[in-house]
Amino acid sequence: MEKQELHDRLERLHAELKQIDSVDPEEREMLAHLLADIRVLLDQPETQGRPGYAQLGARLRSSVGRLEASYPRATMLMGQVIDTLAGIGL
């Protein structure tokens, strides 16, 4: 159940981040990294254990503060993913 919930939240977050049109080059780069990390995790077969979760969690935590004021929906979804990762011990 938790893995499916995480997968669903990652899908929603990926879709939300794709809609952001950032004019700030640093934000654009940060979003590109987040999108790439999420896509890799979503595309990996379940059997691979998904070792990139820790990296994604760290990147999400560092990005929330930067995006919070401009993109509240995206940061809310980021927080949900962070909470889900913590809930499954990642």
PDB file of N, CA and C in Angstrom:
ATOM      1  N   MET A   1       0.823  -1.200   0.000  1.00  0.00           N
ATOM      2  CA  MET A   1       0.000   0.000   0.000  1.00  0.00           C
ATOM      3  C   MET A   1       0.861   1.255   0.000  1.00  0.00           C
ATOM      4  N   GLU A   2       1.869   1.302   0.857  1.00  0.00           N
ATOM      5  CA  GLU A   2       2.697   2.502   0.940  1.00  0.00           C
ATOM      6  C   GLU A   2       3.459   2.757  -0.355  1.00  0.00           C
ATOM      7  N   LYS A   3       3.932   1.690  -1.004  1.00  0.00           N
ATOM      8  CA  LYS A   3       4.661   1.878  -2.261  1.00  0.00           C
ATOM      9  C   LYS A   3       3.739   2.403  -3.346  1.00  0.00           C
ATOM     10  N   GLN A   4       2.505   1.918  -3.385  1.00  0.00           N
ATOM     11  CA  GLN A   4       1.553   2.425  -4.372  1.00  0.00           C
ATOM     12  C   GLN A   4       1.208   3.883  -4.073  1.00  0.00           C
ATOM     13  N   GLU A   5       1.044   4.209  -2.804  1.00  0.00           N
ATOM     14  CA  GLU A   5       0.770   5.589  -2.411  1.00  0.00           C
ATOM     15  C   GLU A   5       1.934   6.495  -2.823  1.00  0.00           C
ATOM     16  N   LEU A   6       3.146   6.043  -2.599  1.00  0.00           N
ATOM     17  CA  LEU A   6       4.325   6.812  -2.993  1.00  0.00           C
ATOM     18  C   LEU A   6       4.361   6.992  -4.502  1.00  0.00           C
ATOM     19  N   HIS A   7       4.115   5.924  -5.230  1.00  0.00           N
ATOM     20  CA  HIS A   7       4.109   6.003  -6.687  1.00  0.00           C
ATOM     21  C   HIS A   7       3.075   7.026  -7.166  1.00  0.00           C
ATOM     22  N   ASP A   8       1.871   6.974  -6.592  1.00  0.00           N
ATOM     23  CA  ASP A   8       0.816   7.920  -6.979  1.00  0.00           C
ATOM     24  C   ASP A   8       1.218   9.359  -6.668  1.00  0.00           C
ATOM     25  N   ARG A   9       1.820   9.566  -5.508  1.00  0.00           N
ATOM     26  CA  ARG A   9       2.251  10.920  -5.138  1.00  0.00           C
ATOM     27  C   ARG A   9       3.379  11.408  -6.030  1.00  0.00           C
ATOM     28  N   LEU A  10       4.280  10.515  -6.387  1.00  0.00           N
ATOM     29  CA  LEU A  10       5.361  10.894  -7.308  1.00  0.00           C
ATOM     30  C   LEU A  10       4.790  11.276  -8.666  1.00  0.00           C
ATOM     31  N   GLU A  11       3.800  10.544  -9.131  1.00  0.00           N
ATOM     32  CA  GLU A  11       3.156  10.874 -10.412  1.00  0.00           C
ATOM     33  C   GLU A  11       2.518  12.266 -10.351  1.00  0.00           C
ATOM     34  N   ARG A  12       1.793  12.547  -9.265  1.00  0.00           N
ATOM     35  CA  ARG A  12       1.144  13.865  -9.121  1.00  0.00           C
ATOM     36  C   ARG A  12       2.175  14.983  -9.026  1.00  0.00           C
ATOM     37  N   LEU A  13       3.240  14.745  -8.254  1.00  0.00           N
ATOM     38  CA  LEU A  13       4.283  15.758  -8.110  1.00  0.00           C
ATOM     39  C   LEU A  13       4.972  16.007  -9.448  1.00  0.00           C
ATOM     40  N   HIS A  14       5.277  14.947 -10.174  1.00  0.00           N
ATOM     41  CA  HIS A  14       5.926  15.094 -11.479  1.00  0.00           C
ATOM     42  C   HIS A  14       5.059  15.940 -12.410  1.00  0.00           C
ATOM     43  N   ALA A  15       3.768  15.640 -12.444  1.00  0.00           N
ATOM     44  CA  ALA A  15       2.853  16.403 -13.301  1.00  0.00           C
ATOM     45  C   ALA A  15       2.803  17.871 -12.887  1.00  0.00           C
ATOM     46  N   GLU A  16       2.762  18.126 -11.589  1.00  0.00           N
ATOM     47  CA  GLU A  16       2.713  19.506 -11.087  1.00  0.00           C
ATOM     48  C   GLU A  16       4.000  20.262 -11.426  1.00  0.00           C
ATOM     49  N   LEU A  17       5.147  19.627 -11.225  1.00  0.00           N
ATOM     50  CA  LEU A  17       6.416  20.295 -11.500  1.00  0.00           C
ATOM     51  C   LEU A  17       6.590  20.593 -12.984  1.00  0.00           C
ATOM     52  N   LYS A  18       6.072  19.726 -13.842  1.00  0.00           N
ATOM     53  CA  LYS A  18       6.162  19.959 -15.288  1.00  0.00           C
ATOM     54  C   LYS A  18       5.405  21.204 -15.713  1.00  0.00           C
ATOM     55  N   GLN A  19       4.401  21.601 -14.941  1.00  0.00           N
ATOM     56  CA  GLN A  19       3.593  22.763 -15.296  1.00  0.00           C
ATOM     57  C   GLN A  19       4.232  24.093 -14.893  1.00  0.00           C
ATOM     58  N   ILE A  20       5.264  24.037 -14.095  1.00  0.00           N
ATOM     59  CA  ILE A  20       5.899  25.267 -13.620  1.00  0.00           C
ATOM     60  C   ILE A  20       6.770  25.855 -14.721  1.00  0.00           C
ATOM     61  N   ASP A  21       6.528  27.104 -15.039  1.00  0.00           N
ATOM     62  CA  ASP A  21       7.338  27.840 -16.012  1.00  0.00           C
ATOM     63  C   ASP A  21       8.202  28.836 -15.250  1.00  0.00           C
ATOM     64  N   SER A  22       9.358  28.398 -14.847  1.00  0.00           N
ATOM     65  CA  SER A  22      10.238  29.236 -14.042  1.00  0.00           C
ATOM     66  C   SER A  22      11.109  30.103 -14.950  1.00  0.00           C
ATOM     67  N   VAL A  23      11.241  31.361 -14.564  1.00  0.00           N
ATOM     68  CA  VAL A  23      12.114  32.263 -15.312  1.00  0.00           C
ATOM     69  C   VAL A  23      13.488  32.359 -14.657  1.00  0.00           C
ATOM     70  N   ASP A  24      13.571  31.916 -13.432  1.00  0.00           N
ATOM     71  CA  ASP A  24      14.827  31.934 -12.688  1.00  0.00           C
ATOM     72  C   ASP A  24      15.674  30.724 -13.112  1.00  0.00           C
ATOM     73  N   PRO A  25      16.876  30.962 -13.636  1.00  0.00           N
ATOM     74  CA  PRO A  25      17.713  29.846 -14.099  1.00  0.00           C
ATOM     75  C   PRO A  25      18.028  28.814 -13.003  1.00  0.00           C
ATOM     76  N   GLU A  26      18.213  29.266 -11.772  1.00  0.00           N
ATOM     77  CA  GLU A  26      18.492  28.332 -10.682  1.00  0.00           C
ATOM     78  C   GLU A  26      17.277  27.460 -10.388  1.00  0.00           C
ATOM     79  N   GLU A  27      16.101  28.060 -10.377  1.00  0.00           N
ATOM     80  CA  GLU A  27      14.874  27.282 -10.172  1.00  0.00           C
ATOM     81  C   GLU A  27      14.679  26.291 -11.311  1.00  0.00           C
ATOM     82  N   ARG A  28      14.916  26.743 -12.517  1.00  0.00           N
ATOM     83  CA  ARG A  28      14.745  25.884 -13.687  1.00  0.00           C
ATOM     84  C   ARG A  28      15.651  24.658 -13.584  1.00  0.00           C
ATOM     85  N   GLU A  29      16.893  24.874 -13.168  1.00  0.00           N
ATOM     86  CA  GLU A  29      17.831  23.760 -13.013  1.00  0.00           C
ATOM     87  C   GLU A  29      17.378  22.821 -11.892  1.00  0.00           C
ATOM     88  N   MET A  30      16.940  23.393 -10.778  1.00  0.00           N
ATOM     89  CA  MET A  30      16.465  22.596  -9.651  1.00  0.00           C
ATOM     90  C   MET A  30      15.272  21.749 -10.084  1.00  0.00           C
ATOM     91  N   LEU A  31      14.327  22.341 -10.801  1.00  0.00           N
ATOM     92  CA  LEU A  31      13.156  21.619 -11.265  1.00  0.00           C
ATOM     93  C   LEU A  31      13.537  20.507 -12.242  1.00  0.00           C
ATOM     94  N   ALA A  32      14.496  20.796 -13.107  1.00  0.00           N
ATOM     95  CA  ALA A  32      14.945  19.775 -14.062  1.00  0.00           C
ATOM     96  C   ALA A  32      15.530  18.569 -13.336  1.00  0.00           C
ATOM     97  N   HIS A  33      16.305  18.812 -12.275  1.00  0.00           N
ATOM     98  CA  HIS A  33      16.875  17.711 -11.491  1.00  0.00           C
ATOM     99  C   HIS A  33      15.773  16.919 -10.788  1.00  0.00           C
ATOM    100  N   LEU A  34      14.815  17.621 -10.201  1.00  0.00           N
ATOM    101  CA  LEU A  34      13.707  16.947  -9.527  1.00  0.00           C
ATOM    102  C   LEU A  34      12.913  16.092 -10.501  1.00  0.00           C
ATOM    103  N   LEU A  35      12.596  16.667 -11.655  1.00  0.00           N
ATOM    104  CA  LEU A  35      11.836  15.928 -12.657  1.00  0.00           C
ATOM    105  C   LEU A  35      12.583  14.685 -13.117  1.00  0.00           C
ATOM    106  N   ALA A  36      13.881  14.825 -13.329  1.00  0.00           N
ATOM    107  CA  ALA A  36      14.690  13.681 -13.774  1.00  0.00           C
ATOM    108  C   ALA A  36      14.742  12.607 -12.694  1.00  0.00           C
ATOM    109  N   ASP A  37      14.954  13.007 -11.441  1.00  0.00           N
ATOM    110  CA  ASP A  37      15.004  12.034 -10.335  1.00  0.00           C
ATOM    111  C   ASP A  37      13.682  11.279 -10.211  1.00  0.00           C
ATOM    112  N   ILE A  38      12.582  12.005 -10.293  1.00  0.00           N
ATOM    113  CA  ILE A  38      11.264  11.382 -10.169  1.00  0.00           C
ATOM    114  C   ILE A  38      11.016  10.431 -11.335  1.00  0.00           C
ATOM    115  N   ARG A  39      11.345  10.867 -12.541  1.00  0.00           N
ATOM    116  CA  ARG A  39      11.098  10.029 -13.722  1.00  0.00           C
ATOM    117  C   ARG A  39      11.882   8.722 -13.629  1.00  0.00           C
ATOM    118  N   VAL A  40      13.131   8.790 -13.171  1.00  0.00           N
ATOM    119  CA  VAL A  40      13.943   7.580 -13.019  1.00  0.00           C
ATOM    120  C   VAL A  40      13.259   6.614 -12.059  1.00  0.00           C
ATOM    121  N   LEU A  41      12.785   7.120 -10.933  1.00  0.00           N
ATOM    122  CA  LEU A  41      12.126   6.261  -9.948  1.00  0.00           C
ATOM    123  C   LEU A  41      10.832   5.676 -10.488  1.00  0.00           C
ATOM    124  N   LEU A  42      10.073   6.467 -11.210  1.00  0.00           N
ATOM    125  CA  LEU A  42       8.816   5.972 -11.750  1.00  0.00           C
ATOM    126  C   LEU A  42       9.030   4.935 -12.841  1.00  0.00           C
ATOM    127  N   ASP A  43      10.126   5.052 -13.574  1.00  0.00           N
ATOM    128  CA  ASP A  43      10.394   4.141 -14.681  1.00  0.00           C
ATOM    129  C   ASP A  43      11.096   2.855 -14.270  1.00  0.00           C
ATOM    130  N   GLN A  44      11.664   2.825 -13.064  1.00  0.00           N
ATOM    131  CA  GLN A  44      12.371   1.624 -12.606  1.00  0.00           C
ATOM    132  C   GLN A  44      11.385   0.519 -12.265  1.00  0.00           C
ATOM    133  N   PRO A  45      11.745  -0.719 -12.625  1.00  0.00           N
ATOM    134  CA  PRO A  45      10.898  -1.836 -12.197  1.00  0.00           C
ATOM    135  C   PRO A  45      10.911  -1.957 -10.674  1.00  0.00           C
ATOM    136  N   GLU A  46       9.808  -2.404 -10.123  1.00  0.00           N
ATOM    137  CA  GLU A  46       9.662  -2.552  -8.671  1.00  0.00           C
ATOM    138  C   GLU A  46      10.760  -3.441  -8.080  1.00  0.00           C
ATOM    139  N   THR A  47      11.250  -4.381  -8.835  1.00  0.00           N
ATOM    140  CA  THR A  47      12.233  -5.342  -8.326  1.00  0.00           C
ATOM    141  C   THR A  47      13.605  -4.731  -8.076  1.00  0.00           C
ATOM    142  N   GLN A  48      13.873  -3.555  -8.564  1.00  0.00           N
ATOM    143  CA  GLN A  48      15.201  -2.950  -8.394  1.00  0.00           C
ATOM    144  C   GLN A  48      15.390  -2.264  -7.054  1.00  0.00           C
ATOM    145  N   GLY A  49      14.383  -2.206  -6.225  1.00  0.00           N
ATOM    146  CA  GLY A  49      14.535  -1.636  -4.895  1.00  0.00           C
ATOM    147  C   GLY A  49      14.579  -0.121  -4.848  1.00  0.00           C
ATOM    148  N   ARG A  50      14.724   0.521  -5.968  1.00  0.00           N
ATOM    149  CA  ARG A  50      14.688   1.979  -6.073  1.00  0.00           C
ATOM    150  C   ARG A  50      15.631   2.700  -5.110  1.00  0.00           C
ATOM    151  N   PRO A  51      16.917   2.551  -5.322  1.00  0.00           N
ATOM    152  CA  PRO A  51      17.886   3.185  -4.421  1.00  0.00           C
ATOM    153  C   PRO A  51      17.902   4.705  -4.491  1.00  0.00           C
ATOM    154  N   GLY A  52      17.268   5.314  -5.463  1.00  0.00           N
ATOM    155  CA  GLY A  52      17.294   6.765  -5.608  1.00  0.00           C
ATOM    156  C   GLY A  52      16.356   7.514  -4.677  1.00  0.00           C
ATOM    157  N   TYR A  53      15.591   6.796  -3.852  1.00  0.00           N
ATOM    158  CA  TYR A  53      14.656   7.472  -2.954  1.00  0.00           C
ATOM    159  C   TYR A  53      15.357   8.429  -1.994  1.00  0.00           C
ATOM    160  N   ALA A  54      16.470   8.017  -1.435  1.00  0.00           N
ATOM    161  CA  ALA A  54      17.182   8.871  -0.473  1.00  0.00           C
ATOM    162  C   ALA A  54      17.644  10.163  -1.141  1.00  0.00           C
ATOM    163  N   GLN A  55      18.176  10.043  -2.346  1.00  0.00           N
ATOM    164  CA  GLN A  55      18.631  11.222  -3.087  1.00  0.00           C
ATOM    165  C   GLN A  55      17.455  12.144  -3.380  1.00  0.00           C
ATOM    166  N   LEU A  56      16.334  11.569  -3.818  1.00  0.00           N
ATOM    167  CA  LEU A  56      15.166  12.392  -4.107  1.00  0.00           C
ATOM    168  C   LEU A  56      14.670  13.085  -2.841  1.00  0.00           C
ATOM    169  N   GLY A  57      14.613  12.363  -1.739  1.00  0.00           N
ATOM    170  CA  GLY A  57      14.157  12.954  -0.477  1.00  0.00           C
ATOM    171  C   GLY A  57      15.009  14.145  -0.078  1.00  0.00           C
ATOM    172  N   ALA A  58      16.317  13.994  -0.194  1.00  0.00           N
ATOM    173  CA  ALA A  58      17.231  15.089   0.145  1.00  0.00           C
ATOM    174  C   ALA A  58      17.019  16.287  -0.781  1.00  0.00           C
ATOM    175  N   ARG A  59      16.862  16.009  -2.062  1.00  0.00           N
ATOM    176  CA  ARG A  59      16.672  17.097  -3.025  1.00  0.00           C
ATOM    177  C   ARG A  59      15.332  17.803  -2.784  1.00  0.00           C
ATOM    178  N   LEU A  60      14.294  17.034  -2.454  1.00  0.00           N
ATOM    179  CA  LEU A  60      12.992  17.641  -2.166  1.00  0.00           C
ATOM    180  C   LEU A  60      13.064  18.526  -0.934  1.00  0.00           C
ATOM    181  N   ARG A  61      13.703  18.037   0.128  1.00  0.00           N
ATOM    182  CA  ARG A  61      13.810  18.833   1.352  1.00  0.00           C
ATOM    183  C   ARG A  61      14.546  20.147   1.102  1.00  0.00           C
ATOM    184  N   SER A  62      15.587  20.110   0.285  1.00  0.00           N
ATOM    185  CA  SER A  62      16.344  21.334   0.027  1.00  0.00           C
ATOM    186  C   SER A  62      15.601  22.278  -0.921  1.00  0.00           C
ATOM    187  N   SER A  63      14.671  21.760  -1.698  1.00  0.00           N
ATOM    188  CA  SER A  63      13.952  22.581  -2.675  1.00  0.00           C
ATOM    189  C   SER A  63      12.695  23.226  -2.125  1.00  0.00           C
ATOM    190  N   VAL A  64      12.105  22.637  -1.100  1.00  0.00           N
ATOM    191  CA  VAL A  64      10.832  23.129  -0.576  1.00  0.00           C
ATOM    192  C   VAL A  64      10.917  24.615  -0.203  1.00  0.00           C
ATOM    193  N   GLY A  65      11.905  24.985   0.561  1.00  0.00           N
ATOM    194  CA  GLY A  65      12.032  26.376   0.992  1.00  0.00           C
ATOM    195  C   GLY A  65      12.175  27.343  -0.156  1.00  0.00           C
ATOM    196  N   ARG A  66      12.870  26.933  -1.172  1.00  0.00           N
ATOM    197  CA  ARG A  66      13.110  27.796  -2.329  1.00  0.00           C
ATOM    198  C   ARG A  66      11.841  28.016  -3.159  1.00  0.00           C
ATOM    199  N   LEU A  67      10.988  27.002  -3.219  1.00  0.00           N
ATOM    200  CA  LEU A  67       9.808  27.073  -4.077  1.00  0.00           C
ATOM    201  C   LEU A  67       8.520  27.413  -3.331  1.00  0.00           C
ATOM    202  N   GLU A  68       8.566  27.393  -2.011  1.00  0.00           N
ATOM    203  CA  GLU A  68       7.371  27.494  -1.184  1.00  0.00           C
ATOM    204  C   GLU A  68       6.497  28.715  -1.487  1.00  0.00           C
ATOM    205  N   ALA A  69       7.081  29.861  -1.576  1.00  0.00           N
ATOM    206  CA  ALA A  69       6.296  31.084  -1.769  1.00  0.00           C
ATOM    207  C   ALA A  69       5.684  31.164  -3.169  1.00  0.00           C
ATOM    208  N   SER A  70       6.411  30.737  -4.160  1.00  0.00           N
ATOM    209  CA  SER A  70       5.946  30.872  -5.540  1.00  0.00           C
ATOM    210  C   SER A  70       5.054  29.724  -6.005  1.00  0.00           C
ATOM    211  N   TYR A  71       5.262  28.541  -5.461  1.00  0.00           N
ATOM    212  CA  TYR A  71       4.563  27.357  -5.951  1.00  0.00           C
ATOM    213  C   TYR A  71       4.022  26.530  -4.778  1.00  0.00           C
ATOM    214  N   PRO A  72       3.018  27.048  -4.074  1.00  0.00           N
ATOM    215  CA  PRO A  72       2.532  26.366  -2.866  1.00  0.00           C
ATOM    216  C   PRO A  72       1.974  24.967  -3.139  1.00  0.00           C
ATOM    217  N   ARG A  73       1.296  24.769  -4.245  1.00  0.00           N
ATOM    218  CA  ARG A  73       0.749  23.434  -4.551  1.00  0.00           C
ATOM    219  C   ARG A  73       1.885  22.434  -4.750  1.00  0.00           C
ATOM    220  N   ALA A  74       2.897  22.823  -5.485  1.00  0.00           N
ATOM    221  CA  ALA A  74       4.029  21.924  -5.718  1.00  0.00           C
ATOM    222  C   ALA A  74       4.728  21.588  -4.407  1.00  0.00           C
ATOM    223  N   THR A  75       4.914  22.583  -3.546  1.00  0.00           N
ATOM    224  CA  THR A  75       5.607  22.303  -2.285  1.00  0.00           C
ATOM    225  C   THR A  75       4.738  21.471  -1.346  1.00  0.00           C
ATOM    226  N   MET A  76       3.415  21.598  -1.437  1.00  0.00           N
ATOM    227  CA  MET A  76       2.548  20.735  -0.646  1.00  0.00           C
ATOM    228  C   MET A  76       2.721  19.281  -1.094  1.00  0.00           C
ATOM    229  N   LEU A  77       2.748  19.054  -2.401  1.00  0.00           N
ATOM    230  CA  LEU A  77       2.958  17.705  -2.924  1.00  0.00           C
ATOM    231  C   LEU A  77       4.347  17.181  -2.561  1.00  0.00           C
ATOM    232  N   MET A  78       5.341  18.058  -2.576  1.00  0.00           N
ATOM    233  CA  MET A  78       6.694  17.662  -2.173  1.00  0.00           C
ATOM    234  C   MET A  78       6.687  17.193  -0.720  1.00  0.00           C
ATOM    235  N   GLY A  79       5.989  17.935   0.133  1.00  0.00           N
ATOM    236  CA  GLY A  79       5.887  17.553   1.539  1.00  0.00           C
ATOM    237  C   GLY A  79       5.211  16.207   1.717  1.00  0.00           C
ATOM    238  N   GLN A  80       4.199  15.931   0.910  1.00  0.00           N
ATOM    239  CA  GLN A  80       3.523  14.642   0.993  1.00  0.00           C
ATOM    240  C   GLN A  80       4.470  13.503   0.602  1.00  0.00           C
ATOM    241  N   VAL A  81       5.270  13.709  -0.428  1.00  0.00           N
ATOM    242  CA  VAL A  81       6.232  12.688  -0.839  1.00  0.00           C
ATOM    243  C   VAL A  81       7.275  12.491   0.253  1.00  0.00           C
ATOM    244  N   ILE A  82       7.768  13.583   0.817  1.00  0.00           N
ATOM    245  CA  ILE A  82       8.754  13.498   1.909  1.00  0.00           C
ATOM    246  C   ILE A  82       8.164  12.704   3.070  1.00  0.00           C
ATOM    247  N   ASP A  83       6.922  13.004   3.437  1.00  0.00           N
ATOM    248  CA  ASP A  83       6.265  12.290   4.539  1.00  0.00           C
ATOM    249  C   ASP A  83       6.101  10.803   4.220  1.00  0.00           C
ATOM    250  N   THR A  84       5.731  10.496   2.990  1.00  0.00           N
ATOM    251  CA  THR A  84       5.563   9.098   2.598  1.00  0.00           C
ATOM    252  C   THR A  84       6.890   8.364   2.630  1.00  0.00           C
ATOM    253  N   LEU A  85       7.959   9.014   2.151  1.00  0.00           N
ATOM    254  CA  LEU A  85       9.292   8.403   2.212  1.00  0.00           C
ATOM    255  C   LEU A  85       9.690   8.132   3.651  1.00  0.00           C
ATOM    256  N   ALA A  86       9.423   9.083   4.524  1.00  0.00           N
ATOM    257  CA  ALA A  86       9.749   8.904   5.946  1.00  0.00           C
ATOM    258  C   ALA A  86       8.918   7.769   6.547  1.00  0.00           C
ATOM    259  N   GLY A  87       7.675   7.656   6.119  1.00  0.00           N
ATOM    260  CA  GLY A  87       6.795   6.621   6.627  1.00  0.00           C
ATOM    261  C   GLY A  87       7.225   5.215   6.271  1.00  0.00           C
ATOM    262  N   ILE A  88       7.950   5.087   5.157  1.00  0.00           N
ATOM    263  CA  ILE A  88       8.439   3.752   4.776  1.00  0.00           C
ATOM    264  C   ILE A  88       9.930   3.582   5.089  1.00  0.00           C
ATOM    265  N   GLY A  89      10.432   4.502   5.881  1.00  0.00           N
ATOM    266  CA  GLY A  89      11.807   4.364   6.373  1.00  0.00           C
ATOM    267  C   GLY A  89      12.880   4.824   5.419  1.00  0.00           C
ATOM    268  N   LEU A  90      12.550   5.733   4.522  1.00  0.00           N
ATOM    269  CA  LEU A  90      13.558   6.222   3.561  1.00  0.00           C
ATOM    270  C   LEU A  90      13.816   7.695   3.761  1.00  0.00           C
TER     271      LEU A  90
END
